[in-house]
Every structure is written in C-alpha cells, then in structure tokens.
Amino acid sequence: MPREASDRQLAVLRAIVEAWATNGHSPTIRELCTQMNISALRGITVHLDALQRRNYLVRTPQARSITVTPEGRKALGLPPDPAEQLRILRDAVKAYQCQRREYERLSGEPELREIRRAMEPDLRSAREQMFRLLEPDPGKE
C-alpha cells in the first residue's frame, strides 16, 4: 500500500482545487511552480506524478488538464464535486474509446497482432478505470 501523500503534495492538490474553483480550469505546471515557490518544472511534475499514482488526480497531455479525483478531494477533506466527477468520467471514457478504436483498427491486420497484444493491458486498465468511476461510493449507501 502506498504511503500517504506528503504535506507538500497535498498543498499542490489544494492549489489545483482552488484554481478550478476560481478560474474554472486547472493551472498550468508553470503557474503551480510560481504558486508553490518551486523554481524547476520537474519539482512540480514529481509531486503531480506521485498524486497521480495515488489516484488523487488525472492528467491528460492537453494543457490545463489536471483534474482532482474524488479520492483527491477526500484526502483534502472536501466533499465530491459532481461537475468534476463528470469531467473525470468523460476523460476516462474518451481514453477508453480512443484506445478501443486503435485496438480495433489493428485487429484486421495480421502483421500488427503483436502490437495489438501489447495494447491489451492498457485497454484493460482504461476500461477498469472507467468502470471504477461509474461504481457508486460504498460510503454513501
């Protein structure tokens, strides 16, 4: 089981939640560096990577695409945000659909079977994340 998030990591997470509440979008990595008084971009990305491993946030390659998960809000002692949950679910569904389309595209080409086989764990992982987000919270029942 992973260790708890550090105070610094929780401060980064809190800054992301505040940016969403204030601006309606996540901060850039540079903005986080400035806000947290960290001089190197890598300093923030290390914290973001650790928070992502703990499933406290989700990132996609687009700019301003850091989204705090319900687990992240829970770690900060905040109630779940329905709009945020919808964004996370939408991102998970998009990721699954994109991987699924690529997987299907490769299915008809015998010479690409090895690539298709290598994609299966990623596809399975995206599908599991999508369904995990759809499951009701056991604490609310």
C-alpha atoms as a PDB file:
ATOM      1  CA  MET A   1       0.000   0.000   0.000  1.00  0.00           C
ATOM      2  CA  PRO A   2       1.448   3.407  -0.947  1.00  0.00           C
ATOM      3  CA  ARG A   3       2.393   5.908   1.718  1.00  0.00           C
ATOM      4  CA  GLU A   4       0.130   8.840   2.447  1.00  0.00           C
ATOM      5  CA  ALA A   5       0.642  11.980   0.413  1.00  0.00           C
ATOM      6  CA  SER A   6       3.110  14.466   1.885  1.00  0.00           C
ATOM      7  CA  ASP A   7       2.019  17.884   3.127  1.00  0.00           C
ATOM      8  CA  ARG A   8       3.676  19.445   0.073  1.00  0.00           C
ATOM      9  CA  GLN A   9       1.793  17.125  -2.287  1.00  0.00           C
ATOM     10  CA  LEU A  10      -1.479  17.958  -0.548  1.00  0.00           C
ATOM     11  CA  ALA A  11      -0.640  21.670  -0.904  1.00  0.00           C
ATOM     12  CA  VAL A  12      -0.205  21.146  -4.663  1.00  0.00           C
ATOM     13  CA  LEU A  13      -3.521  19.286  -4.767  1.00  0.00           C
ATOM     14  CA  ARG A  14      -5.203  22.091  -2.819  1.00  0.00           C
ATOM     15  CA  ALA A  15      -3.800  24.678  -5.276  1.00  0.00           C
ATOM     16  CA  ILE A  16      -5.325  22.733  -8.179  1.00  0.00           C
ATOM     17  CA  VAL A  17      -8.739  22.571  -6.461  1.00  0.00           C
ATOM     18  CA  GLU A  18      -8.582  26.312  -5.747  1.00  0.00           C
ATOM     19  CA  ALA A  19      -7.677  27.069  -9.384  1.00  0.00           C
ATOM     20  CA  TRP A  20     -10.679  25.060 -10.577  1.00  0.00           C
ATOM     21  CA  ALA A  21     -12.949  26.886  -8.131  1.00  0.00           C
ATOM     22  CA  THR A  22     -11.551  30.326  -9.006  1.00  0.00           C
ATOM     23  CA  ASN A  23     -10.835  30.088 -12.737  1.00  0.00           C
ATOM     24  CA  GLY A  24     -12.946  27.160 -13.938  1.00  0.00           C
ATOM     25  CA  HIS A  25      -9.865  25.308 -15.202  1.00  0.00           C
ATOM     26  CA  SER A  26      -6.717  23.768 -13.811  1.00  0.00           C
ATOM     27  CA  PRO A  27      -3.484  25.731 -13.501  1.00  0.00           C
ATOM     28  CA  THR A  28      -0.556  25.152 -15.835  1.00  0.00           C
ATOM     29  CA  ILE A  29       2.526  23.471 -14.430  1.00  0.00           C
ATOM     30  CA  ARG A  30       4.324  26.836 -14.590  1.00  0.00           C
ATOM     31  CA  GLU A  31       1.546  28.503 -12.612  1.00  0.00           C
ATOM     32  CA  LEU A  32       1.810  25.768  -9.992  1.00  0.00           C
ATOM     33  CA  CYS A  33       5.586  26.323  -9.801  1.00  0.00           C
ATOM     34  CA  THR A  34       5.060  30.026  -9.187  1.00  0.00           C
ATOM     35  CA  GLN A  35       2.319  29.479  -6.626  1.00  0.00           C
ATOM     36  CA  MET A  36       4.293  26.829  -4.732  1.00  0.00           C
ATOM     37  CA  ASN A  37       7.636  28.733  -4.960  1.00  0.00           C
ATOM     38  CA  ILE A  38       9.299  25.874  -6.826  1.00  0.00           C
ATOM     39  CA  SER A  39      11.861  27.006  -9.397  1.00  0.00           C
ATOM     40  CA  ALA A  40      12.036  23.909 -11.622  1.00  0.00           C
ATOM     41  CA  LEU A  41       9.150  22.400 -13.600  1.00  0.00           C
ATOM     42  CA  ARG A  42      10.415  18.968 -12.626  1.00  0.00           C
ATOM     43  CA  GLY A  43       9.820  19.844  -8.961  1.00  0.00           C
ATOM     44  CA  ILE A  44       6.077  20.109  -9.602  1.00  0.00           C
ATOM     45  CA  THR A  45       5.877  17.166 -12.000  1.00  0.00           C
ATOM     46  CA  VAL A  46       7.373  14.892  -9.319  1.00  0.00           C
ATOM     47  CA  HIS A  47       4.527  15.884  -6.979  1.00  0.00           C
ATOM     48  CA  LEU A  48       1.936  15.508  -9.761  1.00  0.00           C
ATOM     49  CA  ASP A  49       3.288  12.051 -10.642  1.00  0.00           C
ATOM     50  CA  ALA A  50       3.058  10.957  -7.001  1.00  0.00           C
ATOM     51  CA  LEU A  51      -0.500  12.307  -6.701  1.00  0.00           C
ATOM     52  CA  GLN A  52      -1.478  10.553  -9.924  1.00  0.00           C
ATOM     53  CA  ARG A  53      -0.070   7.234  -8.646  1.00  0.00           C
ATOM     54  CA  ARG A  54      -2.262   7.641  -5.548  1.00  0.00           C
ATOM     55  CA  ASN A  55      -5.249   8.266  -7.855  1.00  0.00           C
ATOM     56  CA  TYR A  56      -5.697  11.769  -6.389  1.00  0.00           C
ATOM     57  CA  LEU A  57      -5.633  13.383  -9.820  1.00  0.00           C
ATOM     58  CA  VAL A  58      -5.884  12.625 -13.525  1.00  0.00           C
ATOM     59  CA  ARG A  59      -3.754  14.281 -16.200  1.00  0.00           C
ATOM     60  CA  THR A  60      -4.011  14.168 -19.970  1.00  0.00           C
ATOM     61  CA  PRO A  61      -1.489  15.550 -22.496  1.00  0.00           C
ATOM     62  CA  GLN A  62      -3.560  18.690 -23.173  1.00  0.00           C
ATOM     63  CA  ALA A  63      -2.779  21.988 -21.450  1.00  0.00           C
ATOM     64  CA  ARG A  64      -4.700  22.741 -18.242  1.00  0.00           C
ATOM     65  CA  SER A  65      -5.960  19.171 -17.990  1.00  0.00           C
ATOM     66  CA  ILE A  66      -5.205  18.339 -14.357  1.00  0.00           C
ATOM     67  CA  THR A  67      -8.371  17.120 -12.656  1.00  0.00           C
ATOM     68  CA  VAL A  68      -8.657  16.201  -8.983  1.00  0.00           C
ATOM     69  CA  THR A  69     -10.414  12.867  -8.434  1.00  0.00           C
ATOM     70  CA  PRO A  70     -12.973  12.153  -5.706  1.00  0.00           C
ATOM     71  CA  GLU A  71     -10.170  10.346  -3.819  1.00  0.00           C
ATOM     72  CA  GLY A  72      -8.082  13.530  -4.008  1.00  0.00           C
ATOM     73  CA  ARG A  73     -10.937  15.650  -2.693  1.00  0.00           C
ATOM     74  CA  LYS A  74     -11.441  13.105   0.081  1.00  0.00           C
ATOM     75  CA  ALA A  75      -7.728  13.339   1.002  1.00  0.00           C
ATOM     76  CA  LEU A  76      -8.196  17.105   1.384  1.00  0.00           C
ATOM     77  CA  GLY A  77     -11.356  16.606   3.442  1.00  0.00           C
ATOM     78  CA  LEU A  78     -13.584  18.091   0.710  1.00  0.00           C
ATOM     79  CA  PRO A  79     -16.936  16.740  -0.482  1.00  0.00           C
ATOM     80  CA  PRO A  80     -17.048  15.292  -4.022  1.00  0.00           C
ATOM     81  CA  ASP A  81     -17.719  17.802  -6.793  1.00  0.00           C
ATOM     82  CA  PRO A  82     -20.349  16.434  -9.227  1.00  0.00           C
ATOM     83  CA  ALA A  83     -19.089  18.540 -12.153  1.00  0.00           C
ATOM     84  CA  GLU A  84     -15.543  17.340 -11.523  1.00  0.00           C
ATOM     85  CA  GLN A  85     -16.696  13.725 -11.338  1.00  0.00           C
ATOM     86  CA  LEU A  86     -18.420  14.157 -14.687  1.00  0.00           C
ATOM     87  CA  ARG A  87     -15.236  15.609 -16.245  1.00  0.00           C
ATOM     88  CA  ILE A  88     -13.153  12.708 -14.914  1.00  0.00           C
ATOM     89  CA  LEU A  89     -15.649  10.167 -16.215  1.00  0.00           C
ATOM     90  CA  ARG A  90     -15.752  11.889 -19.605  1.00  0.00           C
ATOM     91  CA  ASP A  91     -11.911  11.821 -19.794  1.00  0.00           C
ATOM     92  CA  ALA A  92     -11.845   8.134 -18.827  1.00  0.00           C
ATOM     93  CA  VAL A  93     -14.488   7.281 -21.449  1.00  0.00           C
ATOM     94  CA  LYS A  94     -12.597   9.262 -24.130  1.00  0.00           C
ATOM     95  CA  ALA A  95      -9.342   7.495 -23.265  1.00  0.00           C
ATOM     96  CA  TYR A  96     -11.060   4.105 -23.408  1.00  0.00           C
ATOM     97  CA  GLN A  97     -12.797   4.877 -26.713  1.00  0.00           C
ATOM     98  CA  CYS A  98      -9.584   6.113 -28.309  1.00  0.00           C
ATOM     99  CA  GLN A  99      -7.650   3.031 -27.203  1.00  0.00           C
ATOM    100  CA  ARG A 100     -10.517   0.776 -28.265  1.00  0.00           C
ATOM    101  CA  ARG A 101     -10.642   2.320 -31.766  1.00  0.00           C
ATOM    102  CA  GLU A 102      -6.905   1.844 -32.193  1.00  0.00           C
ATOM    103  CA  TYR A 103      -7.179  -1.727 -30.909  1.00  0.00           C
ATOM    104  CA  GLU A 104      -9.990  -2.486 -33.365  1.00  0.00           C
ATOM    105  CA  ARG A 105      -8.089  -0.879 -36.235  1.00  0.00           C
ATOM    106  CA  LEU A 106      -5.207  -3.240 -35.600  1.00  0.00           C
ATOM    107  CA  SER A 107      -7.437  -6.310 -35.384  1.00  0.00           C
ATOM    108  CA  GLY A 108      -7.764  -6.742 -39.138  1.00  0.00           C
ATOM    109  CA  GLU A 109      -4.037  -6.631 -39.865  1.00  0.00           C
ATOM    110  CA  PRO A 110      -2.255  -9.912 -39.069  1.00  0.00           C
ATOM    111  CA  GLU A 111       1.221  -8.337 -39.109  1.00  0.00           C
ATOM    112  CA  LEU A 112       0.167  -5.988 -36.299  1.00  0.00           C
ATOM    113  CA  ARG A 113      -1.121  -8.687 -33.941  1.00  0.00           C
ATOM    114  CA  GLU A 114       1.923  -8.279 -31.670  1.00  0.00           C
ATOM    115  CA  ILE A 115       1.231  -4.555 -31.258  1.00  0.00           C
ATOM    116  CA  ARG A 116      -2.423  -5.323 -30.591  1.00  0.00           C
ATOM    117  CA  ARG A 117      -1.444  -7.882 -27.963  1.00  0.00           C
ATOM    118  CA  ALA A 118       0.834  -5.293 -26.314  1.00  0.00           C
ATOM    119  CA  MET A 119      -2.073  -2.808 -26.171  1.00  0.00           C
ATOM    120  CA  GLU A 120      -4.383  -5.169 -24.286  1.00  0.00           C
ATOM    121  CA  PRO A 121      -3.133  -4.282 -20.755  1.00  0.00           C
ATOM    122  CA  ASP A 122      -3.544  -0.534 -21.449  1.00  0.00           C
ATOM    123  CA  LEU A 123      -7.006  -1.072 -22.857  1.00  0.00           C
ATOM    124  CA  ARG A 124      -7.952  -3.218 -19.875  1.00  0.00           C
ATOM    125  CA  SER A 125      -6.577  -0.580 -17.487  1.00  0.00           C
ATOM    126  CA  ALA A 126      -8.535   2.236 -19.192  1.00  0.00           C
ATOM    127  CA  ARG A 127     -11.696   0.125 -19.086  1.00  0.00           C
ATOM    128  CA  GLU A 128     -11.205  -0.687 -15.394  1.00  0.00           C
ATOM    129  CA  GLN A 129     -10.666   2.998 -14.582  1.00  0.00           C
ATOM    130  CA  MET A 130     -13.818   3.919 -16.474  1.00  0.00           C
ATOM    131  CA  PHE A 131     -15.924   1.326 -14.630  1.00  0.00           C
ATOM    132  CA  ARG A 132     -14.344   2.189 -11.270  1.00  0.00           C
ATOM    133  CA  LEU A 133     -15.515   5.777 -11.790  1.00  0.00           C
ATOM    134  CA  LEU A 134     -19.024   4.543 -12.549  1.00  0.00           C
ATOM    135  CA  GLU A 135     -19.281   2.469  -9.355  1.00  0.00           C
ATOM    136  CA  PRO A 136     -21.249   4.059  -6.523  1.00  0.00           C
ATOM    137  CA  ASP A 137     -19.276   5.119  -3.465  1.00  0.00           C
ATOM    138  CA  PRO A 138     -19.758   2.369  -0.820  1.00  0.00           C
ATOM    139  CA  GLY A 139     -19.715   5.005   1.941  1.00  0.00           C
ATOM    140  CA  LYS A 140     -22.837   6.665   0.545  1.00  0.00           C
ATOM    141  CA  GLU A 141     -25.117   3.629   0.622  1.00  0.00           C
END
